Amino acid sequence: MPSPTYYWGTGRRKESIARVRVRPGEGQIVINGRSIEDYFPRQLWRLNALEPLKVSGMEGKIDVFIKAQGGGLSGQAGAVRLGIARALLSLDPEMRPVLKKADLLARDPRMVERKKFGRRKARALYQYSKR
């Protein structure tokens, strides 16, 4: 039996990185060796991560294997979303207009603003005391 062909995609968001492999299959989704329901307990994260499959109509038709690292679960969900979209693009370049219209191919450039000295956080000041 020939080894299955994988299509790769890398997604990033905030401090998170997701390396995604997809192959034709029966819809299995594994993140860091765990099921998606186990890895992303909030439904919002799951919906966000799997949006490219829904938009492209590939739900249940491909297996997705993901290695996610860094950041928190929200950032990882965004990274998985971009990684899946890029992997689908390498699987079938004809999906580009559909994925682009749903704004799934753009990397979110927003990052955490750095903390400034003399302040409590990036912008918040310490409480002012007049007396």
N, C-alpha and C. Protein backbone atom coordinates (compact mmCIF):
# COMPACT_ATOMS: atom_id res chain seq x y z
N MET A 1 0.85 -1.19 0.00
CA MET A 1 0.00 0.00 0.00
C MET A 1 0.89 1.25 0.00
N PRO A 2 0.66 2.19 -0.93
CA PRO A 2 1.49 3.39 -0.96
C PRO A 2 1.20 4.29 0.24
N SER A 3 2.24 4.99 0.68
CA SER A 3 2.06 5.88 1.83
C SER A 3 1.18 7.07 1.41
N PRO A 4 0.31 7.53 2.32
CA PRO A 4 -0.61 8.62 1.95
C PRO A 4 0.15 9.92 1.72
N THR A 5 -0.35 10.70 0.76
CA THR A 5 0.26 11.98 0.45
C THR A 5 -0.34 13.05 1.36
N TYR A 6 0.53 13.80 2.01
CA TYR A 6 0.10 14.88 2.88
C TYR A 6 0.30 16.22 2.20
N TYR A 7 -0.56 17.17 2.54
CA TYR A 7 -0.41 18.54 2.09
C TYR A 7 -0.23 19.41 3.33
N TRP A 8 0.77 20.28 3.31
CA TRP A 8 1.18 21.03 4.50
C TRP A 8 0.71 22.47 4.46
N GLY A 9 0.54 23.02 5.64
CA GLY A 9 0.26 24.45 5.79
C GLY A 9 0.69 24.90 7.17
N THR A 10 1.26 26.08 7.26
CA THR A 10 1.70 26.63 8.54
C THR A 10 0.89 27.87 8.85
N GLY A 11 0.35 27.93 10.06
CA GLY A 11 -0.42 29.09 10.48
C GLY A 11 0.19 29.72 11.71
N ARG A 12 0.11 31.05 11.80
CA ARG A 12 0.61 31.77 12.97
C ARG A 12 -0.41 32.80 13.41
N ARG A 13 -0.50 32.99 14.73
CA ARG A 13 -1.32 34.05 15.29
C ARG A 13 -0.80 34.37 16.67
N LYS A 14 -0.65 35.66 16.99
CA LYS A 14 -0.05 36.10 18.26
C LYS A 14 1.29 35.37 18.44
N GLU A 15 1.44 34.59 19.48
CA GLU A 15 2.69 33.85 19.71
C GLU A 15 2.56 32.38 19.32
N SER A 16 1.45 32.00 18.71
CA SER A 16 1.17 30.59 18.42
C SER A 16 1.59 30.21 17.00
N ILE A 17 2.01 28.96 16.87
CA ILE A 17 2.35 28.39 15.56
C ILE A 17 1.65 27.05 15.44
N ALA A 18 1.02 26.80 14.29
CA ALA A 18 0.36 25.53 14.04
C ALA A 18 0.88 24.95 12.73
N ARG A 19 1.41 23.74 12.80
CA ARG A 19 1.85 23.03 11.60
C ARG A 19 0.77 22.02 11.26
N VAL A 20 0.18 22.16 10.08
CA VAL A 20 -1.01 21.39 9.70
C VAL A 20 -0.69 20.47 8.52
N ARG A 21 -1.10 19.20 8.65
CA ARG A 21 -1.02 18.24 7.55
C ARG A 21 -2.43 17.79 7.23
N VAL A 22 -2.79 17.77 5.96
CA VAL A 22 -4.10 17.25 5.55
C VAL A 22 -3.89 16.16 4.50
N ARG A 23 -4.83 15.23 4.47
CA ARG A 23 -4.83 14.18 3.45
C ARG A 23 -6.27 13.75 3.23
N PRO A 24 -6.59 13.24 2.06
CA PRO A 24 -7.94 12.72 1.84
C PRO A 24 -8.24 11.61 2.85
N GLY A 25 -9.44 11.65 3.42
CA GLY A 25 -9.78 10.66 4.44
C GLY A 25 -11.24 10.77 4.84
N GLU A 26 -11.52 10.40 6.10
CA GLU A 26 -12.91 10.37 6.55
C GLU A 26 -13.25 11.46 7.56
N GLY A 27 -12.43 12.49 7.70
CA GLY A 27 -12.78 13.62 8.56
C GLY A 27 -12.20 13.59 9.95
N GLN A 28 -11.14 12.84 10.16
CA GLN A 28 -10.49 12.76 11.47
C GLN A 28 -9.68 14.05 11.71
N ILE A 29 -9.81 14.63 12.93
CA ILE A 29 -9.05 15.84 13.27
C ILE A 29 -8.31 15.58 14.58
N VAL A 30 -6.98 15.68 14.54
CA VAL A 30 -6.14 15.41 15.70
C VAL A 30 -5.22 16.61 15.94
N ILE A 31 -5.23 17.13 17.17
CA ILE A 31 -4.34 18.23 17.54
C ILE A 31 -3.46 17.77 18.68
N ASN A 32 -2.16 17.76 18.46
CA ASN A 32 -1.18 17.31 19.46
C ASN A 32 -1.57 15.96 20.07
N GLY A 33 -2.04 15.06 19.23
CA GLY A 33 -2.40 13.72 19.68
C GLY A 33 -3.74 13.61 20.39
N ARG A 34 -4.52 14.69 20.42
CA ARG A 34 -5.83 14.69 21.10
C ARG A 34 -6.92 15.08 20.11
N SER A 35 -8.16 14.73 20.45
CA SER A 35 -9.28 15.12 19.59
C SER A 35 -9.52 16.62 19.72
N ILE A 36 -10.20 17.21 18.74
CA ILE A 36 -10.42 18.66 18.76
C ILE A 36 -11.33 19.06 19.91
N GLU A 37 -12.30 18.20 20.27
CA GLU A 37 -13.20 18.51 21.39
C GLU A 37 -12.43 18.52 22.71
N ASP A 38 -11.43 17.66 22.80
CA ASP A 38 -10.61 17.59 24.01
C ASP A 38 -9.63 18.76 24.08
N TYR A 39 -9.08 19.13 22.92
CA TYR A 39 -8.03 20.16 22.91
C TYR A 39 -8.62 21.57 23.04
N PHE A 40 -9.70 21.85 22.28
CA PHE A 40 -10.37 23.15 22.35
C PHE A 40 -11.70 22.98 23.07
N PRO A 41 -11.75 23.20 24.40
CA PRO A 41 -13.00 22.97 25.12
C PRO A 41 -14.11 23.94 24.74
N ARG A 42 -13.78 25.15 24.34
CA ARG A 42 -14.81 26.12 23.96
C ARG A 42 -15.22 25.92 22.50
N GLN A 43 -16.53 25.96 22.28
CA GLN A 43 -17.04 25.75 20.93
C GLN A 43 -16.59 26.86 19.98
N LEU A 44 -16.45 28.08 20.49
CA LEU A 44 -16.01 29.21 19.66
C LEU A 44 -14.64 28.93 19.04
N TRP A 45 -13.73 28.37 19.83
CA TRP A 45 -12.40 28.04 19.32
C TRP A 45 -12.48 26.97 18.24
N ARG A 46 -13.34 25.97 18.47
CA ARG A 46 -13.48 24.89 17.48
C ARG A 46 -14.06 25.43 16.17
N LEU A 47 -15.10 26.26 16.27
CA LEU A 47 -15.72 26.83 15.07
C LEU A 47 -14.72 27.69 14.30
N ASN A 48 -13.94 28.49 15.04
CA ASN A 48 -12.93 29.35 14.42
C ASN A 48 -11.88 28.51 13.71
N ALA A 49 -11.39 27.47 14.37
CA ALA A 49 -10.33 26.64 13.81
C ALA A 49 -10.79 25.87 12.56
N LEU A 50 -12.05 25.43 12.55
CA LEU A 50 -12.53 24.58 11.45
C LEU A 50 -13.27 25.34 10.35
N GLU A 51 -13.28 26.67 10.43
CA GLU A 51 -13.98 27.48 9.43
C GLU A 51 -13.53 27.20 8.00
N PRO A 52 -12.21 27.05 7.72
CA PRO A 52 -11.81 26.78 6.33
C PRO A 52 -12.42 25.50 5.76
N LEU A 53 -12.58 24.47 6.60
CA LEU A 53 -13.18 23.22 6.11
C LEU A 53 -14.64 23.44 5.74
N LYS A 54 -15.34 24.22 6.56
CA LYS A 54 -16.77 24.48 6.33
C LYS A 54 -16.96 25.30 5.04
N VAL A 55 -16.16 26.36 4.90
CA VAL A 55 -16.28 27.26 3.75
C VAL A 55 -15.97 26.52 2.44
N SER A 56 -14.93 25.67 2.48
CA SER A 56 -14.52 24.97 1.26
C SER A 56 -15.35 23.73 0.98
N GLY A 57 -16.20 23.32 1.94
CA GLY A 57 -17.03 22.13 1.75
C GLY A 57 -16.26 20.83 1.88
N MET A 58 -15.16 20.85 2.61
CA MET A 58 -14.31 19.66 2.76
C MET A 58 -14.52 18.94 4.10
N GLU A 59 -15.51 19.36 4.89
CA GLU A 59 -15.78 18.71 6.17
C GLU A 59 -16.11 17.24 5.94
N GLY A 60 -15.44 16.36 6.68
CA GLY A 60 -15.70 14.93 6.57
C GLY A 60 -15.03 14.27 5.38
N LYS A 61 -14.30 15.03 4.57
CA LYS A 61 -13.67 14.47 3.38
C LYS A 61 -12.15 14.34 3.53
N ILE A 62 -11.57 15.07 4.50
CA ILE A 62 -10.12 15.01 4.68
C ILE A 62 -9.79 14.81 6.15
N ASP A 63 -8.63 14.18 6.39
CA ASP A 63 -8.09 14.04 7.73
C ASP A 63 -7.12 15.19 7.98
N VAL A 64 -7.17 15.74 9.20
CA VAL A 64 -6.32 16.88 9.54
C VAL A 64 -5.49 16.52 10.77
N PHE A 65 -4.18 16.67 10.67
CA PHE A 65 -3.26 16.41 11.77
C PHE A 65 -2.49 17.69 12.07
N ILE A 66 -2.56 18.14 13.33
CA ILE A 66 -2.04 19.45 13.69
C ILE A 66 -1.06 19.34 14.85
N LYS A 67 0.05 20.07 14.75
CA LYS A 67 0.95 20.26 15.88
C LYS A 67 0.92 21.75 16.21
N ALA A 68 0.35 22.10 17.37
CA ALA A 68 0.23 23.50 17.77
C ALA A 68 1.13 23.74 18.97
N GLN A 69 1.76 24.92 18.98
CA GLN A 69 2.63 25.27 20.11
C GLN A 69 2.63 26.77 20.31
N GLY A 70 2.95 27.18 21.53
CA GLY A 70 3.09 28.60 21.86
C GLY A 70 1.77 29.30 22.07
N GLY A 71 1.81 30.37 22.86
CA GLY A 71 0.62 31.19 23.07
C GLY A 71 -0.46 30.47 23.85
N GLY A 72 -1.68 30.97 23.76
CA GLY A 72 -2.81 30.37 24.44
C GLY A 72 -3.72 29.67 23.45
N LEU A 73 -4.82 29.17 23.93
CA LEU A 73 -5.73 28.39 23.08
C LEU A 73 -6.42 29.25 22.03
N SER A 74 -6.70 30.51 22.36
CA SER A 74 -7.34 31.40 21.39
C SER A 74 -6.39 31.67 20.21
N GLY A 75 -5.15 31.97 20.52
CA GLY A 75 -4.16 32.19 19.46
C GLY A 75 -3.90 30.93 18.66
N GLN A 76 -3.89 29.78 19.34
CA GLN A 76 -3.67 28.53 18.63
C GLN A 76 -4.83 28.21 17.70
N ALA A 77 -6.05 28.54 18.11
CA ALA A 77 -7.21 28.32 17.23
C ALA A 77 -7.07 29.17 15.97
N GLY A 78 -6.63 30.41 16.11
CA GLY A 78 -6.41 31.27 14.94
C GLY A 78 -5.29 30.75 14.06
N ALA A 79 -4.24 30.22 14.67
CA ALA A 79 -3.13 29.66 13.91
C ALA A 79 -3.56 28.41 13.15
N VAL A 80 -4.37 27.57 13.80
CA VAL A 80 -4.88 26.36 13.15
C VAL A 80 -5.74 26.74 11.95
N ARG A 81 -6.54 27.76 12.11
CA ARG A 81 -7.43 28.24 11.03
C ARG A 81 -6.62 28.62 9.79
N LEU A 82 -5.56 29.41 9.99
CA LEU A 82 -4.73 29.81 8.86
C LEU A 82 -3.97 28.62 8.28
N GLY A 83 -3.49 27.73 9.15
CA GLY A 83 -2.76 26.56 8.69
C GLY A 83 -3.62 25.63 7.85
N ILE A 84 -4.86 25.42 8.29
CA ILE A 84 -5.77 24.56 7.51
C ILE A 84 -6.07 25.20 6.16
N ALA A 85 -6.30 26.51 6.16
CA ALA A 85 -6.59 27.20 4.90
C ALA A 85 -5.43 27.08 3.92
N ARG A 86 -4.20 27.23 4.42
CA ARG A 86 -3.03 27.12 3.54
C ARG A 86 -2.82 25.68 3.06
N ALA A 87 -3.10 24.71 3.93
CA ALA A 87 -2.97 23.31 3.53
C ALA A 87 -4.01 22.95 2.46
N LEU A 88 -5.23 23.46 2.61
CA LEU A 88 -6.27 23.23 1.60
C LEU A 88 -5.87 23.84 0.26
N LEU A 89 -5.20 24.98 0.34
CA LEU A 89 -4.74 25.65 -0.88
C LEU A 89 -3.70 24.80 -1.61
N SER A 90 -2.80 24.16 -0.85
CA SER A 90 -1.81 23.31 -1.50
C SER A 90 -2.45 22.01 -2.01
N LEU A 91 -3.53 21.58 -1.35
CA LEU A 91 -4.28 20.40 -1.81
C LEU A 91 -4.99 20.70 -3.13
N ASP A 92 -5.66 21.86 -3.20
CA ASP A 92 -6.42 22.23 -4.40
C ASP A 92 -6.35 23.74 -4.61
N PRO A 93 -5.48 24.22 -5.51
CA PRO A 93 -5.35 25.67 -5.74
C PRO A 93 -6.63 26.34 -6.25
N GLU A 94 -7.61 25.53 -6.72
CA GLU A 94 -8.87 26.09 -7.19
C GLU A 94 -9.71 26.69 -6.05
N MET A 95 -9.37 26.36 -4.81
CA MET A 95 -10.12 26.88 -3.66
C MET A 95 -9.75 28.30 -3.29
N ARG A 96 -8.72 28.84 -3.93
CA ARG A 96 -8.21 30.16 -3.54
C ARG A 96 -9.29 31.25 -3.51
N PRO A 97 -10.12 31.41 -4.56
CA PRO A 97 -11.14 32.48 -4.51
C PRO A 97 -12.12 32.32 -3.36
N VAL A 98 -12.51 31.07 -3.07
CA VAL A 98 -13.47 30.81 -1.98
C VAL A 98 -12.85 31.17 -0.63
N LEU A 99 -11.61 30.71 -0.40
CA LEU A 99 -10.93 30.98 0.87
C LEU A 99 -10.59 32.46 1.02
N LYS A 100 -10.21 33.09 -0.09
CA LYS A 100 -9.85 34.51 -0.02
C LYS A 100 -11.08 35.37 0.26
N LYS A 101 -12.21 35.02 -0.34
CA LYS A 101 -13.44 35.78 -0.11
C LYS A 101 -13.88 35.70 1.34
N ALA A 102 -13.64 34.54 1.98
CA ALA A 102 -13.99 34.37 3.40
C ALA A 102 -12.90 34.93 4.32
N ASP A 103 -11.85 35.55 3.73
CA ASP A 103 -10.76 36.19 4.48
C ASP A 103 -10.03 35.18 5.37
N LEU A 104 -9.76 34.00 4.81
CA LEU A 104 -9.09 32.96 5.58
C LEU A 104 -7.60 32.82 5.26
N LEU A 105 -7.12 33.59 4.29
CA LEU A 105 -5.72 33.46 3.90
C LEU A 105 -4.84 34.59 4.44
N ALA A 106 -5.44 35.54 5.16
CA ALA A 106 -4.68 36.67 5.68
C ALA A 106 -4.22 36.37 7.10
N ARG A 107 -2.95 36.62 7.39
CA ARG A 107 -2.43 36.44 8.73
C ARG A 107 -2.82 37.65 9.57
N ASP A 108 -3.34 37.42 10.76
CA ASP A 108 -3.74 38.51 11.65
C ASP A 108 -2.47 39.13 12.24
N PRO A 109 -2.16 40.39 11.91
CA PRO A 109 -0.88 40.98 12.33
C PRO A 109 -0.88 41.52 13.76
N ARG A 110 -2.03 41.50 14.44
CA ARG A 110 -2.09 42.11 15.76
C ARG A 110 -1.27 41.33 16.78
N MET A 111 -0.44 42.05 17.51
CA MET A 111 0.39 41.46 18.55
C MET A 111 0.19 42.25 19.84
N VAL A 112 0.60 41.67 20.95
CA VAL A 112 0.47 42.33 22.24
C VAL A 112 1.42 43.52 22.29
N GLU A 113 0.89 44.66 22.73
CA GLU A 113 1.71 45.87 22.85
C GLU A 113 2.63 45.73 24.06
N ARG A 114 3.87 46.20 23.91
CA ARG A 114 4.83 46.02 25.00
C ARG A 114 4.52 46.94 26.17
N LYS A 115 4.94 46.53 27.36
CA LYS A 115 4.76 47.33 28.57
C LYS A 115 5.80 48.45 28.56
N LYS A 116 5.34 49.66 28.92
CA LYS A 116 6.26 50.80 29.00
C LYS A 116 6.67 51.02 30.45
N PHE A 117 7.88 51.56 30.65
CA PHE A 117 8.35 51.82 32.01
C PHE A 117 7.55 52.96 32.62
N GLY A 118 7.38 52.92 33.93
CA GLY A 118 6.61 53.95 34.63
C GLY A 118 5.11 53.76 34.52
N ARG A 119 4.70 52.68 33.90
CA ARG A 119 3.27 52.38 33.75
C ARG A 119 2.99 50.99 34.29
N ARG A 120 1.71 50.75 34.59
CA ARG A 120 1.33 49.47 35.15
C ARG A 120 1.30 48.39 34.07
N LYS A 121 0.75 48.75 32.89
CA LYS A 121 0.73 47.84 31.74
C LYS A 121 1.18 48.64 30.52
N ALA A 122 0.76 48.25 29.32
CA ALA A 122 1.20 48.94 28.12
C ALA A 122 0.73 50.40 28.11
N ARG A 123 -0.52 50.61 28.53
CA ARG A 123 -1.07 51.97 28.52
C ARG A 123 -1.59 52.41 29.88
N ALA A 124 -1.98 51.46 30.73
CA ALA A 124 -2.57 51.80 32.03
C ALA A 124 -1.53 52.43 32.95
N LEU A 125 -1.92 53.51 33.61
CA LEU A 125 -1.04 54.18 34.55
C LEU A 125 -1.34 53.70 35.96
N TYR A 126 -0.38 53.93 36.85
CA TYR A 126 -0.66 53.68 38.27
C TYR A 126 -1.66 54.72 38.74
N GLN A 127 -2.45 54.38 39.76
CA GLN A 127 -3.49 55.28 40.26
C GLN A 127 -2.84 56.55 40.80
N TYR A 128 -3.41 57.69 40.40
CA TYR A 128 -2.88 58.98 40.83
C TYR A 128 -3.47 59.34 42.18
N SER A 129 -2.62 59.75 43.09
CA SER A 129 -3.07 60.19 44.41
C SER A 129 -2.73 61.64 44.58
N LYS A 130 -3.75 62.48 44.74
CA LYS A 130 -3.51 63.92 44.84
C LYS A 130 -2.91 64.28 46.21
N ARG A 131 -3.34 63.56 47.26
CA ARG A 131 -2.81 63.87 48.60
C ARG A 131 -2.13 62.67 49.21
